[in-house]
Amino acid sequence: MAETKPLISVVVPFYNIEGCVRYCMKSLLSQTFWDYEIVCIDDGSTDGTGKLLDGYGDLANVVVHHKENGGLSEARNYGVGVARGELVTFVDGDDIISPYYLEALESCYRECGGGMAIGQVLYISEDEAHNASIEWGIPATRLRIEKRDLIEKYAYEEILPAACCRLAPLELYKNRSFPSGAYYEEIATATGFVSDVDIVAVIEGPIYGYVMRPGSIVHRKRAQLKQVEDYIVAIDSFGDEAGWDKQDPARIYFECLHYSRIYRLLNVVADAGDETEEIRKAIVSQVRRSLASLLKDNRVSKGNKARFAILGLIPRAYSKAFEVYGKRRGFRRTASIGG
């Protein structure tokens, strides 16, 4: 008798996050939807992550694979290669999902005619993840959306342009893989994946918990210049794939928002020398040139308008001002990676 294949494969990369394995796996195993497999990819962990994952290997719907370390993109691509489902969704091993995550995505995908279903992200603390203290609502509203409108929502971060929190055919990811060895691959590929599907549908309401960890890529205390360089490439790729010209308000906002994050990221780049100062000058110059467009754009929040004004006009005060602003913000938000 042929082996029955699951409808959905949940591909979950793990790398040196032994403190996150239990809360992530608990959320993955607590779904209201039943027809799925969990494909755990241990990306060459050197701590206890791999051993903890092996403890779940006897469960009927869990498969654990160990591979040499190659980075997040390579781990996702590997997961796509071994997944058996018709559809695939990605979850990061240091995050959690709502009990309704798969049910909501599958229902949205099916009712809206296929293509890609996308959910909303909730930003939470590590304590909330460990304590499972999030009270998830049952998302009910689903709507089809034009691809150009989705890309604009990506740009304004009304929807997070992430690999996670979406459901699409496995073949989509076999035909267009994630770029191995690159940071910010989610931004670089977001518009490309959207262009490859016919229909996009969105779930209104959070179903994915992005855990704000100090040790994650966007919150680490030290970074390499390559991270900055890959970030810039990803920003350009996003705009080019979207087909925007340089004067499009969405592109102006998207680029300036992410360049403002690069400006702060440069504070922890250790191996760059004079290059960091040149990048800083270019960022300030672009933000300053773009201020008129940013300040009259109704989709830009007052807080971000203030951010751009400070960075463009008094850049020396920017990092300090953002630090003060950041302390006043809580985790209960659906903003973007990096703030």
C-alpha atoms as a PDB file:
ATOM      1  CA  MET A   1       0.000   0.000   0.000  1.00  0.00           C
ATOM      2  CA  ALA A   2       1.337   3.432  -0.959  1.00  0.00           C
ATOM      3  CA  GLU A   3       2.274   5.708   1.876  1.00  0.00           C
ATOM      4  CA  THR A   4      -0.266   8.435   2.512  1.00  0.00           C
ATOM      5  CA  LYS A   5       1.225  11.876   1.997  1.00  0.00           C
ATOM      6  CA  PRO A   6       0.241  14.829   4.180  1.00  0.00           C
ATOM      7  CA  LEU A   7      -1.489  17.826   2.671  1.00  0.00           C
ATOM      8  CA  ILE A   8       0.885  20.316   4.327  1.00  0.00           C
ATOM      9  CA  SER A   9       4.574  20.168   5.155  1.00  0.00           C
ATOM     10  CA  VAL A  10       5.763  22.565   7.856  1.00  0.00           C
ATOM     11  CA  VAL A  11       9.488  23.162   7.261  1.00  0.00           C
ATOM     12  CA  VAL A  12      11.279  24.338  10.405  1.00  0.00           C
ATOM     13  CA  PRO A  13      15.026  25.153  10.397  1.00  0.00           C
ATOM     14  CA  PHE A  14      16.900  25.042  13.723  1.00  0.00           C
ATOM     15  CA  TYR A  15      20.437  26.202  14.473  1.00  0.00           C
ATOM     16  CA  ASN A  16      21.912  26.447  17.980  1.00  0.00           C
ATOM     17  CA  ILE A  17      18.628  27.403  19.633  1.00  0.00           C
ATOM     18  CA  GLU A  18      18.225  24.647  22.187  1.00  0.00           C
ATOM     19  CA  GLY A  19      16.375  27.056  24.496  1.00  0.00           C
ATOM     20  CA  CYS A  20      13.656  27.514  21.869  1.00  0.00           C
ATOM     21  CA  VAL A  21      13.043  23.947  20.701  1.00  0.00           C
ATOM     22  CA  ARG A  22      10.439  22.993  23.296  1.00  0.00           C
ATOM     23  CA  TYR A  23       8.197  26.030  22.965  1.00  0.00           C
ATOM     24  CA  CYS A  24       8.393  25.964  19.169  1.00  0.00           C
ATOM     25  CA  MET A  25       7.619  22.245  18.918  1.00  0.00           C
ATOM     26  CA  LYS A  26       4.807  22.531  21.455  1.00  0.00           C
ATOM     27  CA  SER A  27       3.063  25.093  19.274  1.00  0.00           C
ATOM     28  CA  LEU A  28       3.650  23.018  16.143  1.00  0.00           C
ATOM     29  CA  LEU A  29       2.147  19.934  17.761  1.00  0.00           C
ATOM     30  CA  SER A  30      -0.899  21.780  19.129  1.00  0.00           C
ATOM     31  CA  GLN A  31      -2.650  22.474  15.836  1.00  0.00           C
ATOM     32  CA  THR A  32      -6.390  22.205  15.264  1.00  0.00           C
ATOM     33  CA  PHE A  33      -5.565  20.971  11.742  1.00  0.00           C
ATOM     34  CA  TRP A  34      -4.440  17.340  11.466  1.00  0.00           C
ATOM     35  CA  ASP A  35      -3.224  16.597   7.914  1.00  0.00           C
ATOM     36  CA  TYR A  36       0.373  17.808   8.178  1.00  0.00           C
ATOM     37  CA  GLU A  37       3.967  16.798   8.801  1.00  0.00           C
ATOM     38  CA  ILE A  38       6.635  18.742  10.692  1.00  0.00           C
ATOM     39  CA  VAL A  39       9.964  18.669   8.853  1.00  0.00           C
ATOM     40  CA  CYS A  40      12.673  19.683  11.339  1.00  0.00           C
ATOM     41  CA  ILE A  41      15.997  20.673   9.798  1.00  0.00           C
ATOM     42  CA  ASP A  42      18.910  20.724  12.231  1.00  0.00           C
ATOM     43  CA  ASP A  43      21.345  22.951  10.357  1.00  0.00           C
ATOM     44  CA  GLY A  44      24.553  21.632  11.897  1.00  0.00           C
ATOM     45  CA  SER A  45      23.843  22.749  15.459  1.00  0.00           C
ATOM     46  CA  THR A  46      26.757  22.474  17.898  1.00  0.00           C
ATOM     47  CA  ASP A  47      24.676  22.754  21.079  1.00  0.00           C
ATOM     48  CA  GLY A  48      21.897  20.472  22.285  1.00  0.00           C
ATOM     49  CA  THR A  49      19.404  21.427  19.566  1.00  0.00           C
ATOM     50  CA  GLY A  50      19.838  18.287  17.488  1.00  0.00           C
ATOM     51  CA  LYS A  51      19.463  15.948  20.461  1.00  0.00           C
ATOM     52  CA  LEU A  52      16.296  17.711  21.593  1.00  0.00           C
ATOM     53  CA  LEU A  53      14.829  17.405  18.102  1.00  0.00           C
ATOM     54  CA  ASP A  54      15.631  13.691  17.987  1.00  0.00           C
ATOM     55  CA  GLY A  55      13.399  13.325  21.030  1.00  0.00           C
ATOM     56  CA  TYR A  56      10.432  14.192  18.799  1.00  0.00           C
ATOM     57  CA  GLY A  57      11.466  11.867  15.983  1.00  0.00           C
ATOM     58  CA  ASP A  58       9.247   8.981  17.108  1.00  0.00           C
ATOM     59  CA  LEU A  59       6.075  11.021  16.649  1.00  0.00           C
ATOM     60  CA  ALA A  60       4.102   9.993  13.591  1.00  0.00           C
ATOM     61  CA  ASN A  61       4.001  13.430  11.981  1.00  0.00           C
ATOM     62  CA  VAL A  62       7.534  14.603  12.841  1.00  0.00           C
ATOM     63  CA  VAL A  63      10.605  14.014  10.664  1.00  0.00           C
ATOM     64  CA  VAL A  64      14.046  15.188  11.808  1.00  0.00           C
ATOM     65  CA  HIS A  65      16.902  15.771   9.382  1.00  0.00           C
ATOM     66  CA  HIS A  66      20.477  16.682  10.338  1.00  0.00           C
ATOM     67  CA  LYS A  67      22.763  18.445   7.867  1.00  0.00           C
ATOM     68  CA  GLU A  68      25.976  20.431   7.814  1.00  0.00           C
ATOM     69  CA  ASN A  69      25.551  24.096   8.628  1.00  0.00           C
ATOM     70  CA  GLY A  70      24.728  26.130   5.551  1.00  0.00           C
ATOM     71  CA  GLY A  71      22.514  28.949   6.754  1.00  0.00           C
ATOM     72  CA  LEU A  72      18.801  29.592   6.887  1.00  0.00           C
ATOM     73  CA  SER A  73      18.177  29.682   3.136  1.00  0.00           C
ATOM     74  CA  GLU A  74      19.973  26.409   2.543  1.00  0.00           C
ATOM     75  CA  ALA A  75      18.074  24.796   5.427  1.00  0.00           C
ATOM     76  CA  ARG A  76      14.747  25.903   3.935  1.00  0.00           C
ATOM     77  CA  ASN A  77      15.760  24.664   0.497  1.00  0.00           C
ATOM     78  CA  TYR A  78      16.787  21.343   2.020  1.00  0.00           C
ATOM     79  CA  GLY A  79      13.426  21.115   3.759  1.00  0.00           C
ATOM     80  CA  VAL A  80      11.637  21.716   0.461  1.00  0.00           C
ATOM     81  CA  GLY A  81      13.642  18.879  -1.056  1.00  0.00           C
ATOM     82  CA  VAL A  82      12.551  16.334   1.560  1.00  0.00           C
ATOM     83  CA  ALA A  83       8.995  17.611   2.178  1.00  0.00           C
ATOM     84  CA  ARG A  84       6.165  15.302   1.098  1.00  0.00           C
ATOM     85  CA  GLY A  85       3.205  17.644   1.287  1.00  0.00           C
ATOM     86  CA  GLU A  86       1.305  19.229  -1.567  1.00  0.00           C
ATOM     87  CA  LEU A  87       1.566  22.578   0.211  1.00  0.00           C
ATOM     88  CA  VAL A  88       4.347  24.025   2.340  1.00  0.00           C
ATOM     89  CA  THR A  89       4.712  26.644   5.046  1.00  0.00           C
ATOM     90  CA  PHE A  90       7.840  27.762   6.880  1.00  0.00           C
ATOM     91  CA  VAL A  91       8.219  28.359  10.590  1.00  0.00           C
ATOM     92  CA  ASP A  92      11.448  29.518  12.227  1.00  0.00           C
ATOM     93  CA  GLY A  93      12.661  27.325  15.073  1.00  0.00           C
ATOM     94  CA  ASP A  94      12.759  30.181  17.575  1.00  0.00           C
ATOM     95  CA  ASP A  95       9.171  31.295  16.928  1.00  0.00           C
ATOM     96  CA  ILE A  96       5.716  29.964  17.805  1.00  0.00           C
ATOM     97  CA  ILE A  97       2.450  29.624  15.927  1.00  0.00           C
ATOM     98  CA  SER A  98      -1.202  29.915  16.874  1.00  0.00           C
ATOM     99  CA  PRO A  99      -3.134  26.643  17.347  1.00  0.00           C
ATOM    100  CA  TYR A 100      -5.211  27.854  14.382  1.00  0.00           C
ATOM    101  CA  TYR A 101      -2.193  28.570  12.166  1.00  0.00           C
ATOM    102  CA  LEU A 102      -2.531  25.662   9.730  1.00  0.00           C
ATOM    103  CA  GLU A 103      -6.329  25.581   9.813  1.00  0.00           C
ATOM    104  CA  ALA A 104      -6.519  29.281   8.992  1.00  0.00           C
ATOM    105  CA  LEU A 105      -3.948  29.129   6.202  1.00  0.00           C
ATOM    106  CA  GLU A 106      -5.419  26.007   4.596  1.00  0.00           C
ATOM    107  CA  SER A 107      -8.968  27.344   4.764  1.00  0.00           C
ATOM    108  CA  CYS A 108      -7.880  30.668   3.290  1.00  0.00           C
ATOM    109  CA  TYR A 109      -5.917  28.944   0.531  1.00  0.00           C
ATOM    110  CA  ARG A 110      -8.800  26.621  -0.386  1.00  0.00           C
ATOM    111  CA  GLU A 111     -11.657  29.120  -0.167  1.00  0.00           C
ATOM    112  CA  CYS A 112      -9.839  31.759  -2.192  1.00  0.00           C
ATOM    113  CA  GLY A 113      -8.876  29.404  -4.992  1.00  0.00           C
ATOM    114  CA  GLY A 114      -5.240  28.557  -4.314  1.00  0.00           C
ATOM    115  CA  GLY A 115      -2.061  30.459  -5.077  1.00  0.00           C
ATOM    116  CA  MET A 116      -0.725  31.791  -1.781  1.00  0.00           C
ATOM    117  CA  ALA A 117      -2.373  32.386   1.602  1.00  0.00           C
ATOM    118  CA  ILE A 118      -0.719  34.862   3.963  1.00  0.00           C
ATOM    119  CA  GLY A 119      -1.295  35.541   7.651  1.00  0.00           C
ATOM    120  CA  GLN A 120      -0.384  38.295  10.065  1.00  0.00           C
ATOM    121  CA  VAL A 121       2.522  38.282  12.516  1.00  0.00           C
ATOM    122  CA  LEU A 122       2.437  39.160  16.212  1.00  0.00           C
ATOM    123  CA  TYR A 123       5.661  40.242  17.944  1.00  0.00           C
ATOM    124  CA  ILE A 124       6.107  38.679  21.351  1.00  0.00           C
ATOM    125  CA  SER A 125       8.728  38.354  24.081  1.00  0.00           C
ATOM    126  CA  GLU A 126      10.693  35.221  24.973  1.00  0.00           C
ATOM    127  CA  ASP A 127       8.824  34.999  28.269  1.00  0.00           C
ATOM    128  CA  GLU A 128       5.497  34.918  26.455  1.00  0.00           C
ATOM    129  CA  ALA A 129       6.784  32.140  24.204  1.00  0.00           C
ATOM    130  CA  HIS A 130       8.139  30.044  27.070  1.00  0.00           C
ATOM    131  CA  ASN A 131       5.008  30.519  29.157  1.00  0.00           C
ATOM    132  CA  ALA A 132       2.591  29.998  26.260  1.00  0.00           C
ATOM    133  CA  SER A 133       0.729  33.040  27.539  1.00  0.00           C
ATOM    134  CA  ILE A 134      -0.615  34.315  24.214  1.00  0.00           C
ATOM    135  CA  GLU A 135      -4.394  34.128  23.846  1.00  0.00           C
ATOM    136  CA  TRP A 136      -4.839  33.556  20.140  1.00  0.00           C
ATOM    137  CA  GLY A 137      -8.094  34.547  18.512  1.00  0.00           C
ATOM    138  CA  ILE A 138      -9.722  32.471  15.780  1.00  0.00           C
ATOM    139  CA  PRO A 139      -9.072  34.406  12.537  1.00  0.00           C
ATOM    140  CA  ALA A 140     -12.228  34.622  10.476  1.00  0.00           C
ATOM    141  CA  THR A 141     -11.760  37.299   7.811  1.00  0.00           C
ATOM    142  CA  ARG A 142     -10.112  36.260   4.567  1.00  0.00           C
ATOM    143  CA  LEU A 143      -9.872  38.275   1.399  1.00  0.00           C
ATOM    144  CA  ARG A 144      -8.318  38.005  -2.017  1.00  0.00           C
ATOM    145  CA  ILE A 145      -5.920  40.772  -2.859  1.00  0.00           C
ATOM    146  CA  GLU A 146      -4.286  42.030  -6.037  1.00  0.00           C
ATOM    147  CA  LYS A 147      -0.601  41.185  -6.184  1.00  0.00           C
ATOM    148  CA  ARG A 148       0.420  44.813  -6.662  1.00  0.00           C
ATOM    149  CA  ASP A 149      -1.578  45.728  -3.548  1.00  0.00           C
ATOM    150  CA  LEU A 150       0.116  42.966  -1.558  1.00  0.00           C
ATOM    151  CA  ILE A 151       3.559  44.196  -2.600  1.00  0.00           C
ATOM    152  CA  GLU A 152       2.626  47.701  -1.488  1.00  0.00           C
ATOM    153  CA  LYS A 153       1.461  46.284   1.837  1.00  0.00           C
ATOM    154  CA  TYR A 154       4.818  44.522   2.057  1.00  0.00           C
ATOM    155  CA  ALA A 155       6.573  47.809   1.408  1.00  0.00           C
ATOM    156  CA  TYR A 156       4.619  49.653   4.097  1.00  0.00           C
ATOM    157  CA  GLU A 157       4.851  46.588   6.357  1.00  0.00           C
ATOM    158  CA  GLU A 158       1.131  46.322   6.760  1.00  0.00           C
ATOM    159  CA  ILE A 159       1.952  42.685   6.003  1.00  0.00           C
ATOM    160  CA  LEU A 160       5.381  41.300   6.832  1.00  0.00           C
ATOM    161  CA  PRO A 161       7.412  40.256   3.749  1.00  0.00           C
ATOM    162  CA  ALA A 162       8.599  37.039   5.365  1.00  0.00           C
ATOM    163  CA  ALA A 163       9.059  33.431   4.291  1.00  0.00           C
ATOM    164  CA  CYS A 164       7.035  32.372   7.324  1.00  0.00           C
ATOM    165  CA  CYS A 165       3.304  32.793   7.855  1.00  0.00           C
ATOM    166  CA  ARG A 166       2.271  31.880   4.335  1.00  0.00           C
ATOM    167  CA  LEU A 167       1.061  28.739   2.596  1.00  0.00           C
ATOM    168  CA  ALA A 168       1.800  27.906  -1.038  1.00  0.00           C
ATOM    169  CA  PRO A 169       2.319  24.895  -3.314  1.00  0.00           C
ATOM    170  CA  LEU A 170       5.549  22.982  -2.741  1.00  0.00           C
ATOM    171  CA  GLU A 171       6.351  23.359  -6.439  1.00  0.00           C
ATOM    172  CA  LEU A 172       6.601  27.131  -6.015  1.00  0.00           C
ATOM    173  CA  TYR A 173       9.670  26.689  -3.837  1.00  0.00           C
ATOM    174  CA  LYS A 174      11.134  23.972  -6.012  1.00  0.00           C
ATOM    175  CA  ASN A 175      10.996  26.315  -8.991  1.00  0.00           C
ATOM    176  CA  ARG A 176      12.414  29.346  -7.145  1.00  0.00           C
ATOM    177  CA  SER A 177      14.712  28.594  -4.226  1.00  0.00           C
ATOM    178  CA  PHE A 178      16.020  30.855  -1.470  1.00  0.00           C
ATOM    179  CA  PRO A 179      19.495  32.325  -2.146  1.00  0.00           C
ATOM    180  CA  SER A 180      21.969  30.268  -0.134  1.00  0.00           C
ATOM    181  CA  GLY A 181      24.523  32.038   2.024  1.00  0.00           C
ATOM    182  CA  ALA A 182      22.736  35.402   1.998  1.00  0.00           C
ATOM    183  CA  TYR A 183      21.219  37.426   4.816  1.00  0.00           C
ATOM    184  CA  TYR A 184      17.758  39.007   4.362  1.00  0.00           C
ATOM    185  CA  GLU A 185      16.786  36.412   1.773  1.00  0.00           C
ATOM    186  CA  GLU A 186      13.138  36.884   2.732  1.00  0.00           C
ATOM    187  CA  ILE A 187      13.146  40.498   1.584  1.00  0.00           C
ATOM    188  CA  ALA A 188      15.089  39.647  -1.573  1.00  0.00           C
ATOM    189  CA  THR A 189      12.618  36.957  -2.648  1.00  0.00           C
ATOM    190  CA  ALA A 190       9.288  38.297  -1.340  1.00  0.00           C
ATOM    191  CA  THR A 191       8.118  39.973  -4.541  1.00  0.00           C
ATOM    192  CA  GLY A 192       9.467  37.183  -6.742  1.00  0.00           C
ATOM    193  CA  PHE A 193       7.410  34.518  -5.000  1.00  0.00           C
ATOM    194  CA  VAL A 194       4.307  36.689  -5.272  1.00  0.00           C
ATOM    195  CA  SER A 195       4.878  37.143  -9.005  1.00  0.00           C
ATOM    196  CA  ASP A 196       4.985  33.360  -9.454  1.00  0.00           C
ATOM    197  CA  VAL A 197       1.417  32.743  -8.224  1.00  0.00           C
ATOM    198  CA  ASP A 198      -1.926  33.725  -9.755  1.00  0.00           C
ATOM    199  CA  ILE A 199      -3.963  34.352  -6.616  1.00  0.00           C
ATOM    200  CA  VAL A 200      -3.054  35.848  -3.245  1.00  0.00           C
ATOM    201  CA  ALA A 201      -5.307  35.823  -0.205  1.00  0.00           C
ATOM    202  CA  VAL A 202      -4.771  37.401   3.202  1.00  0.00           C
ATOM    203  CA  ILE A 203      -5.955  36.412   6.676  1.00  0.00           C
ATOM    204  CA  GLU A 204      -6.781  39.364   8.893  1.00  0.00           C
ATOM    205  CA  GLY A 205      -5.597  38.654  12.400  1.00  0.00           C
ATOM    206  CA  PRO A 206      -2.295  37.324  13.793  1.00  0.00           C
ATOM    207  CA  ILE A 207      -1.523  33.615  13.599  1.00  0.00           C
ATOM    208  CA  TYR A 208       2.284  33.651  13.926  1.00  0.00           C
ATOM    209  CA  GLY A 209       4.354  34.675  16.935  1.00  0.00           C
ATOM    210  CA  TYR A 210       7.695  36.256  16.051  1.00  0.00           C
ATOM    211  CA  VAL A 211       9.813  36.000  19.190  1.00  0.00           C
ATOM    212  CA  MET A 212      12.024  39.017  19.857  1.00  0.00           C
ATOM    213  CA  ARG A 213      15.280  37.389  20.932  1.00  0.00           C
ATOM    214  CA  PRO A 214      18.493  39.325  21.697  1.00  0.00           C
ATOM    215  CA  GLY A 215      20.533  36.671  19.895  1.00  0.00           C
ATOM    216  CA  SER A 216      18.639  36.765  16.600  1.00  0.00           C
ATOM    217  CA  ILE A 217      20.162  38.159  13.410  1.00  0.00           C
ATOM    218  CA  VAL A 218      18.478  41.541  13.744  1.00  0.00           C
ATOM    219  CA  HIS A 219      19.250  41.959  17.448  1.00  0.00           C
ATOM    220  CA  ARG A 220      22.802  40.663  17.750  1.00  0.00           C
ATOM    221  CA  LYS A 221      25.492  42.789  19.371  1.00  0.00           C
ATOM    222  CA  ARG A 222      28.063  42.257  16.615  1.00  0.00           C
ATOM    223  CA  ALA A 223      27.591  42.017  12.859  1.00  0.00           C
ATOM    224  CA  GLN A 224      29.728  41.663   9.758  1.00  0.00           C
ATOM    225  CA  LEU A 225      29.873  43.999   6.797  1.00  0.00           C
ATOM    226  CA  LYS A 226      28.467  41.168   4.656  1.00  0.00           C
ATOM    227  CA  GLN A 227      25.208  41.443   6.569  1.00  0.00           C
ATOM    228  CA  VAL A 228      24.950  45.096   5.548  1.00  0.00           C
ATOM    229  CA  GLU A 229      25.919  44.352   1.948  1.00  0.00           C
ATOM    230  CA  ASP A 230      23.357  41.554   1.667  1.00  0.00           C
ATOM    231  CA  TYR A 231      20.724  43.837   3.190  1.00  0.00           C
ATOM    232  CA  ILE A 232      21.345  46.473   0.520  1.00  0.00           C
ATOM    233  CA  VAL A 233      21.158  43.850  -2.243  1.00  0.00           C
ATOM    234  CA  ALA A 234      17.877  42.548  -0.799  1.00  0.00           C
ATOM    235  CA  ILE A 235      16.368  46.052  -0.738  1.00  0.00           C
ATOM    236  CA  ASP A 236      17.291  46.611  -4.388  1.00  0.00           C
ATOM    237  CA  SER A 237      15.996  43.176  -5.405  1.00  0.00           C
ATOM    238  CA  PHE A 238      12.646  43.821  -3.740  1.00  0.00           C
ATOM    239  CA  GLY A 239      12.115  47.109  -5.582  1.00  0.00           C
ATOM    240  CA  ASP A 240      13.334  45.823  -8.950  1.00  0.00           C
ATOM    241  CA  GLU A 241      11.140  42.685  -8.782  1.00  0.00           C
ATOM    242  CA  ALA A 242       8.175  44.898  -7.928  1.00  0.00           C
ATOM    243  CA  GLY A 243       8.736  46.868 -11.136  1.00  0.00           C
ATOM    244  CA  TRP A 244       8.710  50.234  -9.388  1.00  0.00           C
ATOM    245  CA  ASP A 245      10.513  53.282 -10.689  1.00  0.00           C
ATOM    246  CA  LYS A 246      12.704  55.240  -8.295  1.00  0.00           C
ATOM    247  CA  GLN A 247      10.019  57.891  -7.684  1.00  0.00           C
ATOM    248  CA  ASP A 248       7.293  55.495  -6.558  1.00  0.00           C
ATOM    249  CA  PRO A 249       6.222  56.549  -3.036  1.00  0.00           C
ATOM    250  CA  ALA A 250       6.084  52.933  -1.844  1.00  0.00           C
ATOM    251  CA  ARG A 251       9.620  52.300  -3.060  1.00  0.00           C
ATOM    252  CA  ILE A 252      10.888  55.522  -1.501  1.00  0.00           C
ATOM    253  CA  TYR A 253       9.378  54.595   1.846  1.00  0.00           C
ATOM    254  CA  PHE A 254      10.507  50.971   1.682  1.00  0.00           C
ATOM    255  CA  GLU A 255      14.086  51.898   0.853  1.00  0.00           C
ATOM    256  CA  CYS A 256      14.363  54.683   3.408  1.00  0.00           C
ATOM    257  CA  LEU A 257      12.834  52.545   6.154  1.00  0.00           C
ATOM    258  CA  HIS A 258      15.323  49.756   5.598  1.00  0.00           C
ATOM    259  CA  TYR A 259      18.251  52.107   5.081  1.00  0.00           C
ATOM    260  CA  SER A 260      17.401  53.660   8.439  1.00  0.00           C
ATOM    261  CA  ARG A 261      17.747  50.177   9.943  1.00  0.00           C
ATOM    262  CA  ILE A 262      21.060  49.685   8.202  1.00  0.00           C
ATOM    263  CA  TYR A 263      22.211  52.981   9.711  1.00  0.00           C
ATOM    264  CA  ARG A 264      21.659  51.505  13.183  1.00  0.00           C
ATOM    265  CA  LEU A 265      23.066  48.113  12.176  1.00  0.00           C
ATOM    266  CA  LEU A 266      26.327  49.823  11.267  1.00  0.00           C
ATOM    267  CA  ASN A 267      26.784  50.615  14.973  1.00  0.00           C
ATOM    268  CA  VAL A 268      27.645  46.960  15.591  1.00  0.00           C
ATOM    269  CA  VAL A 269      29.622  46.174  12.423  1.00  0.00           C
ATOM    270  CA  ALA A 270      33.099  45.184  13.526  1.00  0.00           C
ATOM    271  CA  ASP A 271      35.127  44.658  10.347  1.00  0.00           C
ATOM    272  CA  ALA A 272      34.307  47.551   8.015  1.00  0.00           C
ATOM    273  CA  GLY A 273      36.648  50.474   8.734  1.00  0.00           C
ATOM    274  CA  ASP A 274      35.983  53.517   6.564  1.00  0.00           C
ATOM    275  CA  GLU A 275      33.306  51.716   4.563  1.00  0.00           C
ATOM    276  CA  THR A 276      30.731  52.139   7.306  1.00  0.00           C
ATOM    277  CA  GLU A 277      31.127  55.902   7.244  1.00  0.00           C
ATOM    278  CA  GLU A 278      30.632  55.994   3.477  1.00  0.00           C
ATOM    279  CA  ILE A 279      27.458  53.936   3.783  1.00  0.00           C
ATOM    280  CA  ARG A 280      26.207  56.215   6.553  1.00  0.00           C
ATOM    281  CA  LYS A 281      26.738  59.294   4.392  1.00  0.00           C
ATOM    282  CA  ALA A 282      24.903  57.704   1.457  1.00  0.00           C
ATOM    283  CA  ILE A 283      21.961  56.753   3.672  1.00  0.00           C
ATOM    284  CA  VAL A 284      21.635  60.220   5.163  1.00  0.00           C
ATOM    285  CA  SER A 285      21.849  61.758   1.699  1.00  0.00           C
ATOM    286  CA  GLN A 286      19.092  59.526   0.318  1.00  0.00           C
ATOM    287  CA  VAL A 287      16.778  60.077   3.281  1.00  0.00           C
ATOM    288  CA  ARG A 288      17.320  63.828   3.070  1.00  0.00           C
ATOM    289  CA  ARG A 289      16.485  63.839  -0.664  1.00  0.00           C
ATOM    290  CA  SER A 290      13.372  61.767   0.011  1.00  0.00           C
ATOM    291  CA  LEU A 291      11.999  63.761   2.947  1.00  0.00           C
ATOM    292  CA  ALA A 292       9.454  65.734   0.945  1.00  0.00           C
ATOM    293  CA  SER A 293       7.894  62.553  -0.422  1.00  0.00           C
ATOM    294  CA  LEU A 294       7.995  60.785   2.956  1.00  0.00           C
ATOM    295  CA  LEU A 295       6.413  63.632   4.896  1.00  0.00           C
ATOM    296  CA  LYS A 296       3.439  63.954   2.555  1.00  0.00           C
ATOM    297  CA  ASP A 297       2.827  60.208   2.252  1.00  0.00           C
ATOM    298  CA  ASN A 298      -0.357  59.421   4.206  1.00  0.00           C
ATOM    299  CA  ARG A 299       0.651  55.787   4.654  1.00  0.00           C
ATOM    300  CA  VAL A 300       3.751  56.744   6.633  1.00  0.00           C
ATOM    301  CA  SER A 301       3.111  56.946  10.382  1.00  0.00           C
ATOM    302  CA  LYS A 302       3.919  60.061  12.381  1.00  0.00           C
ATOM    303  CA  GLY A 303       6.563  58.096  14.249  1.00  0.00           C
ATOM    304  CA  ASN A 304       8.338  57.100  11.057  1.00  0.00           C
ATOM    305  CA  LYS A 305       8.086  60.616   9.658  1.00  0.00           C
ATOM    306  CA  ALA A 306       9.874  61.784  12.794  1.00  0.00           C
ATOM    307  CA  ARG A 307      12.431  58.989  12.326  1.00  0.00           C
ATOM    308  CA  PHE A 308      13.230  60.117   8.787  1.00  0.00           C
ATOM    309  CA  ALA A 309      13.343  63.800   9.708  1.00  0.00           C
ATOM    310  CA  ILE A 310      15.870  63.153  12.484  1.00  0.00           C
ATOM    311  CA  LEU A 311      18.009  60.859  10.344  1.00  0.00           C
ATOM    312  CA  GLY A 312      17.995  63.219   7.366  1.00  0.00           C
ATOM    313  CA  LEU A 313      18.510  66.473   9.251  1.00  0.00           C
ATOM    314  CA  ILE A 314      20.341  65.623  12.493  1.00  0.00           C
ATOM    315  CA  PRO A 315      21.804  62.145  11.925  1.00  0.00           C
ATOM    316  CA  ARG A 316      24.072  62.266  15.002  1.00  0.00           C
ATOM    317  CA  ALA A 317      20.939  62.270  17.160  1.00  0.00           C
ATOM    318  CA  TYR A 318      19.261  59.419  15.307  1.00  0.00           C
ATOM    319  CA  SER A 319      20.563  56.374  17.173  1.00  0.00           C
ATOM    320  CA  LYS A 320      19.965  57.972  20.562  1.00  0.00           C
ATOM    321  CA  ALA A 321      16.473  59.115  19.621  1.00  0.00           C
ATOM    322  CA  PHE A 322      15.593  55.644  18.362  1.00  0.00           C
ATOM    323  CA  GLU A 323      16.889  54.069  21.550  1.00  0.00           C
ATOM    324  CA  VAL A 324      14.591  56.271  23.630  1.00  0.00           C
ATOM    325  CA  TYR A 325      11.686  55.598  21.284  1.00  0.00           C
ATOM    326  CA  GLY A 326      12.316  51.853  21.358  1.00  0.00           C
ATOM    327  CA  LYS A 327      12.121  51.715  25.146  1.00  0.00           C
ATOM    328  CA  ARG A 328       8.605  53.128  24.996  1.00  0.00           C
ATOM    329  CA  ARG A 329       7.367  50.411  22.617  1.00  0.00           C
ATOM    330  CA  GLY A 330       6.057  47.066  23.784  1.00  0.00           C
ATOM    331  CA  PHE A 331       6.135  43.701  22.087  1.00  0.00           C
ATOM    332  CA  ARG A 332       2.434  43.698  21.306  1.00  0.00           C
ATOM    333  CA  ARG A 333       2.733  44.967  17.786  1.00  0.00           C
ATOM    334  CA  THR A 334       2.671  43.866  14.183  1.00  0.00           C
ATOM    335  CA  ALA A 335       5.554  45.977  12.989  1.00  0.00           C
ATOM    336  CA  SER A 336       8.582  44.800  11.079  1.00  0.00           C
ATOM    337  CA  ILE A 337      11.771  42.973  11.763  1.00  0.00           C
ATOM    338  CA  GLY A 338      14.340  45.377  13.121  1.00  0.00           C
ATOM    339  CA  GLY A 339      11.966  48.147  14.192  1.00  0.00           C
END
